[in-house]
Amino acid sequence: MQATLTVPRIHCGGCVSTVERTVQKLRGVTSVQASEVTKEVKVDYDPARVDEQKIRGALALVGYPAA
């Protein structure tokens, strides 16, 4: 399954790195790509292991809440 989340607080390469590392650590996430240009995070994941709410929660914990 794929989710595209808007994360307005992404504004630099450091933000992109933090967001990608955080989401990639979640079990069930197969790929993640964040963009400071579009302020989007695209996540491919196994819905049997993780859901969008858990991904959103992980982002919020590190200071990048999804809109």
N, C-alpha and C. Protein backbone atom coordinates (compact mmCIF):
# COMPACT_ATOMS: atom_id res chain seq x y z
N MET A 1 0.86 -1.17 0.00
CA MET A 1 0.00 0.00 0.00
C MET A 1 0.90 1.23 0.00
N GLN A 2 0.39 2.33 -0.55
CA GLN A 2 1.17 3.57 -0.56
C GLN A 2 0.35 4.71 0.04
N ALA A 3 1.04 5.56 0.78
CA ALA A 3 0.42 6.77 1.33
C ALA A 3 1.29 7.96 0.94
N THR A 4 0.64 9.06 0.64
CA THR A 4 1.35 10.32 0.39
C THR A 4 0.86 11.31 1.42
N LEU A 5 1.76 11.75 2.29
CA LEU A 5 1.43 12.64 3.38
C LEU A 5 2.04 14.01 3.13
N THR A 6 1.30 15.05 3.43
CA THR A 6 1.83 16.41 3.35
C THR A 6 2.40 16.77 4.71
N VAL A 7 3.67 17.17 4.71
CA VAL A 7 4.35 17.52 5.96
C VAL A 7 4.94 18.93 5.77
N PRO A 8 4.17 19.96 6.15
CA PRO A 8 4.57 21.35 5.87
C PRO A 8 5.88 21.80 6.51
N ARG A 9 6.33 21.14 7.55
CA ARG A 9 7.54 21.59 8.26
C ARG A 9 8.84 21.13 7.61
N ILE A 10 8.76 20.35 6.53
CA ILE A 10 9.98 19.95 5.82
C ILE A 10 10.48 21.15 5.04
N HIS A 11 11.69 21.63 5.35
CA HIS A 11 12.19 22.80 4.65
C HIS A 11 13.67 22.70 4.26
N CYS A 12 14.33 21.59 4.60
CA CYS A 12 15.75 21.47 4.24
C CYS A 12 16.14 19.99 4.15
N GLY A 13 17.37 19.77 3.72
CA GLY A 13 17.86 18.40 3.60
C GLY A 13 17.91 17.66 4.93
N GLY A 14 18.18 18.38 6.00
CA GLY A 14 18.18 17.76 7.32
C GLY A 14 16.81 17.25 7.71
N CYS A 15 15.81 18.04 7.37
CA CYS A 15 14.42 17.62 7.64
C CYS A 15 14.09 16.35 6.86
N VAL A 16 14.47 16.34 5.59
CA VAL A 16 14.22 15.18 4.73
C VAL A 16 14.87 13.95 5.34
N SER A 17 16.11 14.07 5.77
CA SER A 17 16.84 12.96 6.36
C SER A 17 16.17 12.45 7.64
N THR A 18 15.78 13.36 8.51
CA THR A 18 15.12 12.98 9.77
C THR A 18 13.81 12.26 9.50
N VAL A 19 13.01 12.80 8.60
CA VAL A 19 11.71 12.20 8.27
C VAL A 19 11.91 10.80 7.68
N GLU A 20 12.81 10.69 6.72
CA GLU A 20 13.02 9.39 6.08
C GLU A 20 13.55 8.35 7.07
N ARG A 21 14.52 8.72 7.91
CA ARG A 21 15.05 7.78 8.90
C ARG A 21 13.97 7.33 9.87
N THR A 22 13.15 8.28 10.33
CA THR A 22 12.11 7.97 11.30
C THR A 22 11.10 6.98 10.74
N VAL A 23 10.62 7.24 9.54
CA VAL A 23 9.60 6.38 8.94
C VAL A 23 10.18 5.03 8.56
N GLN A 24 11.42 5.01 8.06
CA GLN A 24 12.03 3.75 7.64
C GLN A 24 12.21 2.78 8.80
N LYS A 25 12.33 3.29 10.02
CA LYS A 25 12.50 2.44 11.20
C LYS A 25 11.23 1.65 11.55
N LEU A 26 10.09 2.08 11.06
CA LEU A 26 8.84 1.39 11.39
C LEU A 26 8.77 0.04 10.68
N ARG A 27 8.42 -1.00 11.43
CA ARG A 27 8.28 -2.32 10.84
C ARG A 27 7.12 -2.31 9.86
N GLY A 28 7.39 -2.82 8.67
CA GLY A 28 6.36 -2.87 7.65
C GLY A 28 6.52 -1.81 6.58
N VAL A 29 7.39 -0.82 6.82
CA VAL A 29 7.65 0.21 5.82
C VAL A 29 8.70 -0.35 4.86
N THR A 30 8.38 -0.34 3.56
CA THR A 30 9.31 -0.87 2.57
C THR A 30 10.11 0.22 1.88
N SER A 31 9.54 1.41 1.74
CA SER A 31 10.30 2.53 1.19
C SER A 31 9.67 3.84 1.61
N VAL A 32 10.50 4.87 1.66
CA VAL A 32 10.02 6.21 2.02
C VAL A 32 10.84 7.24 1.25
N GLN A 33 10.15 8.24 0.74
CA GLN A 33 10.81 9.31 0.02
C GLN A 33 10.17 10.63 0.43
N ALA A 34 10.97 11.51 0.99
CA ALA A 34 10.49 12.83 1.41
C ALA A 34 11.05 13.89 0.47
N SER A 35 10.31 14.98 0.30
CA SER A 35 10.76 16.06 -0.57
C SER A 35 10.57 17.40 0.10
N GLU A 36 11.65 18.19 0.15
CA GLU A 36 11.53 19.54 0.71
C GLU A 36 10.84 20.48 -0.27
N VAL A 37 10.84 20.14 -1.56
CA VAL A 37 10.21 20.97 -2.59
C VAL A 37 8.69 20.86 -2.52
N THR A 38 8.18 19.61 -2.52
CA THR A 38 6.73 19.39 -2.50
C THR A 38 6.16 19.30 -1.09
N LYS A 39 7.07 19.13 -0.10
CA LYS A 39 6.67 18.95 1.30
C LYS A 39 5.80 17.70 1.47
N GLU A 40 6.10 16.69 0.66
CA GLU A 40 5.37 15.43 0.72
C GLU A 40 6.29 14.29 1.13
N VAL A 41 5.68 13.30 1.77
CA VAL A 41 6.37 12.07 2.13
C VAL A 41 5.58 10.92 1.52
N LYS A 42 6.24 10.17 0.64
CA LYS A 42 5.60 9.02 0.01
C LYS A 42 6.13 7.77 0.70
N VAL A 43 5.19 6.95 1.17
CA VAL A 43 5.56 5.77 1.95
C VAL A 43 4.90 4.54 1.35
N ASP A 44 5.69 3.52 1.06
CA ASP A 44 5.18 2.21 0.69
C ASP A 44 5.26 1.34 1.94
N TYR A 45 4.17 0.65 2.25
CA TYR A 45 4.17 -0.13 3.48
C TYR A 45 3.23 -1.32 3.39
N ASP A 46 3.44 -2.26 4.29
CA ASP A 46 2.61 -3.46 4.41
C ASP A 46 1.52 -3.16 5.44
N PRO A 47 0.26 -3.05 5.01
CA PRO A 47 -0.81 -2.70 5.94
C PRO A 47 -1.09 -3.74 7.02
N ALA A 48 -0.54 -4.93 6.86
CA ALA A 48 -0.69 -5.95 7.90
C ALA A 48 0.27 -5.68 9.07
N ARG A 49 1.29 -4.85 8.83
CA ARG A 49 2.29 -4.60 9.87
C ARG A 49 2.28 -3.18 10.42
N VAL A 50 1.86 -2.22 9.60
CA VAL A 50 1.86 -0.82 10.03
C VAL A 50 0.72 -0.12 9.29
N ASP A 51 0.19 0.93 9.90
CA ASP A 51 -0.87 1.68 9.23
C ASP A 51 -0.50 3.16 9.15
N GLU A 52 -1.30 3.90 8.40
CA GLU A 52 -1.00 5.31 8.19
C GLU A 52 -1.01 6.09 9.50
N GLN A 53 -1.86 5.71 10.41
CA GLN A 53 -1.93 6.41 11.70
C GLN A 53 -0.63 6.26 12.48
N LYS A 54 -0.02 5.09 12.42
CA LYS A 54 1.24 4.86 13.12
C LYS A 54 2.36 5.68 12.46
N ILE A 55 2.33 5.78 11.15
CA ILE A 55 3.32 6.58 10.43
C ILE A 55 3.17 8.05 10.82
N ARG A 56 1.94 8.53 10.83
CA ARG A 56 1.67 9.92 11.23
C ARG A 56 2.13 10.17 12.66
N GLY A 57 1.89 9.21 13.54
CA GLY A 57 2.30 9.35 14.93
C GLY A 57 3.81 9.45 15.08
N ALA A 58 4.54 8.63 14.33
CA ALA A 58 6.01 8.66 14.39
C ALA A 58 6.53 10.01 13.91
N LEU A 59 5.94 10.54 12.85
CA LEU A 59 6.36 11.85 12.34
C LEU A 59 6.08 12.95 13.37
N ALA A 60 4.93 12.89 13.99
CA ALA A 60 4.58 13.92 14.99
C ALA A 60 5.54 13.87 16.17
N LEU A 61 5.97 12.68 16.57
CA LEU A 61 6.88 12.56 17.71
C LEU A 61 8.23 13.23 17.47
N VAL A 62 8.66 13.31 16.23
CA VAL A 62 9.95 13.94 15.93
C VAL A 62 9.79 15.37 15.42
N GLY A 63 8.56 15.91 15.54
CA GLY A 63 8.35 17.33 15.22
C GLY A 63 7.93 17.63 13.80
N TYR A 64 7.48 16.61 13.07
CA TYR A 64 7.04 16.81 11.69
C TYR A 64 5.63 16.25 11.48
N PRO A 65 4.64 16.88 12.11
CA PRO A 65 3.27 16.37 11.96
C PRO A 65 2.76 16.51 10.52
N ALA A 66 2.06 15.48 10.08
CA ALA A 66 1.45 15.51 8.74
C ALA A 66 0.15 16.30 8.81
N ALA A 67 -0.09 17.08 7.77
CA ALA A 67 -1.30 17.89 7.70
C ALA A 67 -2.50 17.04 7.37
